Amino acid sequence: MPTFAAISADATPSPRRGPWPGRTALRPLAITALLCIVGSGAQAACPPLLDRSFPRLQDEKPQNLCQYAGKVVVVVNTASYCGFTSQYKGLEALHARYQSRGLVVLGFPSNDFGSQEPGSNQDIAAFCENTFGVRFPMFAKSSVKGGARNPLYADLAQRTGKTPAWNFHKYLIGRDGQVVLSFSSQTDPQDPAFVQEIEKLVDSQ
């Protein structure tokens, strides 16, 4: 039969221990772990429309478009030798004016229309920098129409029912990655109707 040690009723209680010295030290680690979990959740919330990567124009390093999740995005196909090439100036002005309010312009050079973008990625990058001082993100030359079009443009065409008919066609994407509007090459970046739509979207939360 098992035996148990008797406990005296007047036994002196053990002194109360203070806080475990390591507990306080672990708090920053716990907070850091929580922030990592929250951060990974934010990355997982990237809308499918932006969940893809493209080479950056100037150095062809892959860039994931998820970094623009939660922003208002203008997607535009560009060319260096087009009657609409001067729209670079208006696009850069839009980017500079609304960047602090959550707008980003993404440029996709293409040689699809009139062979008006014949140069290399390095040539295009130099032209944009030296001629218009472009600072908004630009990506490597790709196709934006037909079977060879890049996957972002395939998705945009499917969602809007609109495919670029020429250079400087513009798609406007809301913060949730779901609101998509389409504007033809004829729409200047400073067109009041276009700017009004941008204002609506940057003011939305």
C-alpha atoms as a PDB file:
ATOM      1  CA  MET A   1       0.000   0.000   0.000  1.00  0.00           C
ATOM      2  CA  PRO A   2       1.556   3.367  -0.923  1.00  0.00           C
ATOM      3  CA  THR A   3       2.704   5.645   1.835  1.00  0.00           C
ATOM      4  CA  PHE A   4       2.468   9.422   1.897  1.00  0.00           C
ATOM      5  CA  ALA A   5       4.625  11.853   3.788  1.00  0.00           C
ATOM      6  CA  ALA A   6       2.720  13.621   6.544  1.00  0.00           C
ATOM      7  CA  ILE A   7       2.509  17.408   6.402  1.00  0.00           C
ATOM      8  CA  SER A   8       2.592  19.183   9.750  1.00  0.00           C
ATOM      9  CA  ALA A   9      -0.141  21.761  10.267  1.00  0.00           C
ATOM     10  CA  ASP A  10       2.334  24.236  11.741  1.00  0.00           C
ATOM     11  CA  ALA A  11       4.990  23.729   9.096  1.00  0.00           C
ATOM     12  CA  THR A  12       6.739  26.930   8.115  1.00  0.00           C
ATOM     13  CA  PRO A  13       5.545  27.922   4.649  1.00  0.00           C
ATOM     14  CA  SER A  14       8.118  28.375   1.938  1.00  0.00           C
ATOM     15  CA  PRO A  15       8.974  32.011   1.259  1.00  0.00           C
ATOM     16  CA  ARG A  16       7.019  33.463  -1.653  1.00  0.00           C
ATOM     17  CA  ARG A  17       9.077  33.560  -4.798  1.00  0.00           C
ATOM     18  CA  GLY A  18       9.404  36.751  -6.794  1.00  0.00           C
ATOM     19  CA  PRO A  19       8.696  36.972 -10.498  1.00  0.00           C
ATOM     20  CA  TRP A  20      10.638  34.593 -12.647  1.00  0.00           C
ATOM     21  CA  PRO A  21      13.543  36.687 -13.884  1.00  0.00           C
ATOM     22  CA  GLY A  22      13.317  35.315 -17.420  1.00  0.00           C
ATOM     23  CA  ARG A  23       9.641  36.198 -17.836  1.00  0.00           C
ATOM     24  CA  THR A  24      10.215  39.892 -18.457  1.00  0.00           C
ATOM     25  CA  ALA A  25      13.061  39.155 -20.817  1.00  0.00           C
ATOM     26  CA  LEU A  26      10.800  36.957 -22.944  1.00  0.00           C
ATOM     27  CA  ARG A  27       8.177  39.654 -23.475  1.00  0.00           C
ATOM     28  CA  PRO A  28      10.018  41.374 -26.365  1.00  0.00           C
ATOM     29  CA  LEU A  29      10.451  37.981 -28.021  1.00  0.00           C
ATOM     30  CA  ALA A  30       6.734  37.282 -27.712  1.00  0.00           C
ATOM     31  CA  ILE A  31       5.885  40.684 -29.176  1.00  0.00           C
ATOM     32  CA  THR A  32       8.297  40.118 -32.063  1.00  0.00           C
ATOM     33  CA  ALA A  33       6.757  36.717 -32.776  1.00  0.00           C
ATOM     34  CA  LEU A  34       3.276  38.260 -32.785  1.00  0.00           C
ATOM     35  CA  LEU A  35       4.370  40.953 -35.229  1.00  0.00           C
ATOM     36  CA  CYS A  36       5.822  38.292 -37.518  1.00  0.00           C
ATOM     37  CA  ILE A  37       2.505  36.437 -37.478  1.00  0.00           C
ATOM     38  CA  VAL A  38       0.606  39.635 -38.263  1.00  0.00           C
ATOM     39  CA  GLY A  39       3.081  40.470 -41.035  1.00  0.00           C
ATOM     40  CA  SER A  40       2.748  37.064 -42.639  1.00  0.00           C
ATOM     41  CA  GLY A  41      -1.032  37.457 -42.546  1.00  0.00           C
ATOM     42  CA  ALA A  42      -0.734  40.790 -44.353  1.00  0.00           C
ATOM     43  CA  GLN A  43       1.385  39.195 -47.064  1.00  0.00           C
ATOM     44  CA  ALA A  44      -1.141  36.387 -47.441  1.00  0.00           C
ATOM     45  CA  ALA A  45      -3.834  39.037 -48.080  1.00  0.00           C
ATOM     46  CA  CYS A  46      -2.256  40.028 -51.399  1.00  0.00           C
ATOM     47  CA  PRO A  47      -5.053  40.130 -54.012  1.00  0.00           C
ATOM     48  CA  PRO A  48      -4.720  37.536 -56.804  1.00  0.00           C
ATOM     49  CA  LEU A  49      -4.454  40.283 -59.420  1.00  0.00           C
ATOM     50  CA  LEU A  50      -1.147  41.445 -57.908  1.00  0.00           C
ATOM     51  CA  ASP A  51       0.178  38.074 -56.809  1.00  0.00           C
ATOM     52  CA  ARG A  52       2.827  37.723 -59.528  1.00  0.00           C
ATOM     53  CA  SER A  53       6.380  38.844 -60.261  1.00  0.00           C
ATOM     54  CA  PHE A  54       8.008  40.734 -63.142  1.00  0.00           C
ATOM     55  CA  PRO A  55      11.610  41.786 -63.853  1.00  0.00           C
ATOM     56  CA  ARG A  56      12.383  45.394 -62.993  1.00  0.00           C
ATOM     57  CA  LEU A  57      13.286  47.496 -66.049  1.00  0.00           C
ATOM     58  CA  GLN A  58      16.650  48.859 -64.990  1.00  0.00           C
ATOM     59  CA  ASP A  59      18.274  45.659 -63.718  1.00  0.00           C
ATOM     60  CA  GLU A  60      15.771  42.867 -64.532  1.00  0.00           C
ATOM     61  CA  LYS A  61      15.606  41.767 -60.888  1.00  0.00           C
ATOM     62  CA  PRO A  62      12.266  40.043 -60.095  1.00  0.00           C
ATOM     63  CA  GLN A  63       9.762  42.251 -58.293  1.00  0.00           C
ATOM     64  CA  ASN A  64       6.600  40.870 -56.694  1.00  0.00           C
ATOM     65  CA  LEU A  65       3.601  43.125 -57.212  1.00  0.00           C
ATOM     66  CA  CYS A  66       2.284  42.143 -53.779  1.00  0.00           C
ATOM     67  CA  GLN A  67       4.422  44.994 -52.453  1.00  0.00           C
ATOM     68  CA  TYR A  68       1.746  47.296 -53.895  1.00  0.00           C
ATOM     69  CA  ALA A  69      -1.181  45.565 -52.167  1.00  0.00           C
ATOM     70  CA  GLY A  70      -3.414  48.105 -50.446  1.00  0.00           C
ATOM     71  CA  LYS A  71      -2.440  50.872 -52.868  1.00  0.00           C
ATOM     72  CA  VAL A  72      -4.323  52.429 -55.748  1.00  0.00           C
ATOM     73  CA  VAL A  73      -2.498  51.223 -58.871  1.00  0.00           C
ATOM     74  CA  VAL A  74      -2.343  52.663 -62.376  1.00  0.00           C
ATOM     75  CA  VAL A  75      -1.076  50.074 -64.874  1.00  0.00           C
ATOM     76  CA  VAL A  76       0.029  51.512 -68.215  1.00  0.00           C
ATOM     77  CA  ASN A  77       1.722  50.049 -71.304  1.00  0.00           C
ATOM     78  CA  THR A  78       4.348  52.437 -72.604  1.00  0.00           C
ATOM     79  CA  ALA A  79       6.516  53.107 -75.667  1.00  0.00           C
ATOM     80  CA  SER A  80       9.366  55.517 -76.354  1.00  0.00           C
ATOM     81  CA  TYR A  81       8.496  56.486 -79.947  1.00  0.00           C
ATOM     82  CA  CYS A  82       4.741  57.055 -79.885  1.00  0.00           C
ATOM     83  CA  GLY A  83       2.499  60.053 -80.345  1.00  0.00           C
ATOM     84  CA  PHE A  84       1.400  59.503 -76.744  1.00  0.00           C
ATOM     85  CA  THR A  85       4.919  59.207 -75.294  1.00  0.00           C
ATOM     86  CA  SER A  86       4.599  62.692 -73.790  1.00  0.00           C
ATOM     87  CA  GLN A  87       2.058  61.156 -71.384  1.00  0.00           C
ATOM     88  CA  TYR A  88       5.075  60.006 -69.366  1.00  0.00           C
ATOM     89  CA  LYS A  89       5.198  63.564 -68.012  1.00  0.00           C
ATOM     90  CA  GLY A  90       1.597  63.472 -66.816  1.00  0.00           C
ATOM     91  CA  LEU A  91       1.975  59.984 -65.362  1.00  0.00           C
ATOM     92  CA  GLU A  92       5.049  61.036 -63.388  1.00  0.00           C
ATOM     93  CA  ALA A  93       3.172  64.115 -62.154  1.00  0.00           C
ATOM     94  CA  LEU A  94       0.293  61.912 -60.973  1.00  0.00           C
ATOM     95  CA  HIS A  95       2.690  59.569 -59.216  1.00  0.00           C
ATOM     96  CA  ALA A  96       4.454  62.433 -57.460  1.00  0.00           C
ATOM     97  CA  ARG A  97       1.213  64.177 -56.483  1.00  0.00           C
ATOM     98  CA  TYR A  98      -0.632  61.178 -55.062  1.00  0.00           C
ATOM     99  CA  GLN A  99       2.168  58.879 -53.918  1.00  0.00           C
ATOM    100  CA  SER A 100       1.835  60.016 -50.309  1.00  0.00           C
ATOM    101  CA  ARG A 101      -1.881  59.182 -50.465  1.00  0.00           C
ATOM    102  CA  GLY A 102      -1.283  55.630 -51.651  1.00  0.00           C
ATOM    103  CA  LEU A 103      -1.074  55.804 -55.459  1.00  0.00           C
ATOM    104  CA  VAL A 104       1.534  53.986 -57.516  1.00  0.00           C
ATOM    105  CA  VAL A 105       1.967  54.006 -61.307  1.00  0.00           C
ATOM    106  CA  LEU A 106       3.386  50.827 -62.863  1.00  0.00           C
ATOM    107  CA  GLY A 107       4.797  51.055 -66.390  1.00  0.00           C
ATOM    108  CA  PHE A 108       5.062  48.094 -68.779  1.00  0.00           C
ATOM    109  CA  PRO A 109       6.997  48.908 -71.975  1.00  0.00           C
ATOM    110  CA  SER A 110       5.760  47.019 -75.021  1.00  0.00           C
ATOM    111  CA  ASN A 111       6.693  46.798 -78.684  1.00  0.00           C
ATOM    112  CA  ASP A 112       3.243  45.494 -79.652  1.00  0.00           C
ATOM    113  CA  PHE A 113       1.988  48.631 -81.394  1.00  0.00           C
ATOM    114  CA  GLY A 114       3.787  50.021 -84.424  1.00  0.00           C
ATOM    115  CA  SER A 115       7.126  48.635 -83.205  1.00  0.00           C
ATOM    116  CA  GLN A 116       7.460  51.868 -81.225  1.00  0.00           C
ATOM    117  CA  GLU A 117       9.497  50.340 -78.389  1.00  0.00           C
ATOM    118  CA  PRO A 118      12.389  48.632 -80.237  1.00  0.00           C
ATOM    119  CA  GLY A 119      15.180  49.222 -77.720  1.00  0.00           C
ATOM    120  CA  SER A 120      16.594  47.070 -74.942  1.00  0.00           C
ATOM    121  CA  ASN A 121      15.474  47.378 -71.349  1.00  0.00           C
ATOM    122  CA  GLN A 122      18.583  49.458 -70.639  1.00  0.00           C
ATOM    123  CA  ASP A 123      17.781  51.765 -73.574  1.00  0.00           C
ATOM    124  CA  ILE A 124      14.223  52.242 -72.345  1.00  0.00           C
ATOM    125  CA  ALA A 125      15.323  52.915 -68.764  1.00  0.00           C
ATOM    126  CA  ALA A 126      17.814  55.552 -69.930  1.00  0.00           C
ATOM    127  CA  PHE A 127      15.198  57.208 -72.157  1.00  0.00           C
ATOM    128  CA  CYS A 128      12.620  57.401 -69.359  1.00  0.00           C
ATOM    129  CA  GLU A 129      15.143  58.802 -66.899  1.00  0.00           C
ATOM    130  CA  ASN A 130      16.836  61.297 -69.201  1.00  0.00           C
ATOM    131  CA  THR A 131      13.773  62.535 -71.100  1.00  0.00           C
ATOM    132  CA  PHE A 132      11.004  62.602 -68.505  1.00  0.00           C
ATOM    133  CA  GLY A 133      12.699  61.973 -65.157  1.00  0.00           C
ATOM    134  CA  VAL A 134      10.481  58.938 -64.567  1.00  0.00           C
ATOM    135  CA  ARG A 135      10.567  57.739 -60.966  1.00  0.00           C
ATOM    136  CA  PHE A 136       7.558  55.433 -60.875  1.00  0.00           C
ATOM    137  CA  PRO A 137       8.251  51.664 -61.105  1.00  0.00           C
ATOM    138  CA  MET A 138       8.890  50.342 -64.604  1.00  0.00           C
ATOM    139  CA  PHE A 139       9.168  46.722 -65.656  1.00  0.00           C
ATOM    140  CA  ALA A 140      10.982  44.856 -68.409  1.00  0.00           C
ATOM    141  CA  LYS A 141       9.567  44.978 -71.925  1.00  0.00           C
ATOM    142  CA  SER A 142       6.793  42.455 -72.516  1.00  0.00           C
ATOM    143  CA  SER A 143       3.737  41.840 -74.654  1.00  0.00           C
ATOM    144  CA  VAL A 144       0.377  43.218 -73.522  1.00  0.00           C
ATOM    145  CA  LYS A 145      -1.918  41.707 -76.165  1.00  0.00           C
ATOM    146  CA  GLY A 146      -2.567  38.364 -77.829  1.00  0.00           C
ATOM    147  CA  GLY A 147      -1.472  34.941 -76.702  1.00  0.00           C
ATOM    148  CA  ALA A 148       1.999  36.086 -75.669  1.00  0.00           C
ATOM    149  CA  ARG A 149       0.787  38.866 -73.358  1.00  0.00           C
ATOM    150  CA  ASN A 150       2.055  38.865 -69.823  1.00  0.00           C
ATOM    151  CA  PRO A 151      -0.244  37.321 -67.180  1.00  0.00           C
ATOM    152  CA  LEU A 152      -1.169  40.626 -65.533  1.00  0.00           C
ATOM    153  CA  TYR A 153      -2.481  42.003 -68.810  1.00  0.00           C
ATOM    154  CA  ALA A 154      -4.316  38.764 -69.544  1.00  0.00           C
ATOM    155  CA  ASP A 155      -6.067  39.064 -66.177  1.00  0.00           C
ATOM    156  CA  LEU A 156      -6.823  42.772 -66.636  1.00  0.00           C
ATOM    157  CA  ALA A 157      -8.338  42.131 -70.067  1.00  0.00           C
ATOM    158  CA  GLN A 158     -10.493  39.343 -68.679  1.00  0.00           C
ATOM    159  CA  ARG A 159     -11.756  41.461 -65.783  1.00  0.00           C
ATOM    160  CA  THR A 160     -12.520  44.598 -67.769  1.00  0.00           C
ATOM    161  CA  GLY A 161     -13.325  43.187 -71.197  1.00  0.00           C
ATOM    162  CA  LYS A 162     -10.857  45.751 -72.555  1.00  0.00           C
ATOM    163  CA  THR A 163      -7.520  45.008 -74.245  1.00  0.00           C
ATOM    164  CA  PRO A 164      -5.062  47.807 -75.074  1.00  0.00           C
ATOM    165  CA  ALA A 165      -5.596  49.016 -78.631  1.00  0.00           C
ATOM    166  CA  TRP A 166      -2.452  51.149 -78.559  1.00  0.00           C
ATOM    167  CA  ASN A 167       0.314  52.402 -76.290  1.00  0.00           C
ATOM    168  CA  PHE A 168      -0.553  54.175 -73.025  1.00  0.00           C
ATOM    169  CA  HIS A 169      -3.785  52.340 -72.320  1.00  0.00           C
ATOM    170  CA  LYS A 170      -4.487  52.670 -68.590  1.00  0.00           C
ATOM    171  CA  TYR A 171      -6.032  50.359 -66.011  1.00  0.00           C
ATOM    172  CA  LEU A 172      -6.965  51.697 -62.584  1.00  0.00           C
ATOM    173  CA  ILE A 173      -7.005  49.226 -59.686  1.00  0.00           C
ATOM    174  CA  GLY A 174      -8.522  49.966 -56.277  1.00  0.00           C
ATOM    175  CA  ARG A 175      -6.932  49.338 -52.891  1.00  0.00           C
ATOM    176  CA  ASP A 176      -8.724  45.995 -52.569  1.00  0.00           C
ATOM    177  CA  GLY A 177      -7.360  44.782 -55.891  1.00  0.00           C
ATOM    178  CA  GLN A 178     -10.914  44.246 -57.116  1.00  0.00           C
ATOM    179  CA  VAL A 179     -12.028  47.608 -58.483  1.00  0.00           C
ATOM    180  CA  VAL A 180     -10.725  47.815 -62.039  1.00  0.00           C
ATOM    181  CA  LEU A 181     -11.430  50.594 -64.531  1.00  0.00           C
ATOM    182  CA  SER A 182     -10.065  50.933 -68.061  1.00  0.00           C
ATOM    183  CA  PHE A 183      -9.074  54.083 -69.965  1.00  0.00           C
ATOM    184  CA  SER A 184      -7.964  54.322 -73.593  1.00  0.00           C
ATOM    185  CA  SER A 185      -4.741  55.858 -74.863  1.00  0.00           C
ATOM    186  CA  GLN A 186      -6.736  58.988 -75.682  1.00  0.00           C
ATOM    187  CA  THR A 187      -7.269  59.651 -71.969  1.00  0.00           C
ATOM    188  CA  ASP A 188      -4.536  62.000 -70.826  1.00  0.00           C
ATOM    189  CA  PRO A 189      -3.183  61.344 -67.307  1.00  0.00           C
ATOM    190  CA  GLN A 190      -4.328  64.859 -66.343  1.00  0.00           C
ATOM    191  CA  ASP A 191      -7.823  64.394 -67.774  1.00  0.00           C
ATOM    192  CA  PRO A 192     -10.292  65.599 -65.090  1.00  0.00           C
ATOM    193  CA  ALA A 193     -12.412  62.433 -65.337  1.00  0.00           C
ATOM    194  CA  PHE A 194      -9.350  60.222 -64.846  1.00  0.00           C
ATOM    195  CA  VAL A 195      -8.049  62.309 -61.942  1.00  0.00           C
ATOM    196  CA  GLN A 196     -11.504  62.267 -60.355  1.00  0.00           C
ATOM    197  CA  GLU A 197     -11.506  58.460 -60.320  1.00  0.00           C
ATOM    198  CA  ILE A 198      -8.051  58.466 -58.743  1.00  0.00           C
ATOM    199  CA  GLU A 199      -9.258  60.915 -56.089  1.00  0.00           C
ATOM    200  CA  LYS A 200     -12.165  58.629 -55.229  1.00  0.00           C
ATOM    201  CA  LEU A 201      -9.928  55.601 -54.849  1.00  0.00           C
ATOM    202  CA  VAL A 202      -7.111  57.219 -52.860  1.00  0.00           C
ATOM    203  CA  ASP A 203      -9.713  58.606 -50.446  1.00  0.00           C
ATOM    204  CA  SER A 204     -11.240  55.146 -49.935  1.00  0.00           C
ATOM    205  CA  GLN A 205     -10.066  52.901 -47.117  1.00  0.00           C
END
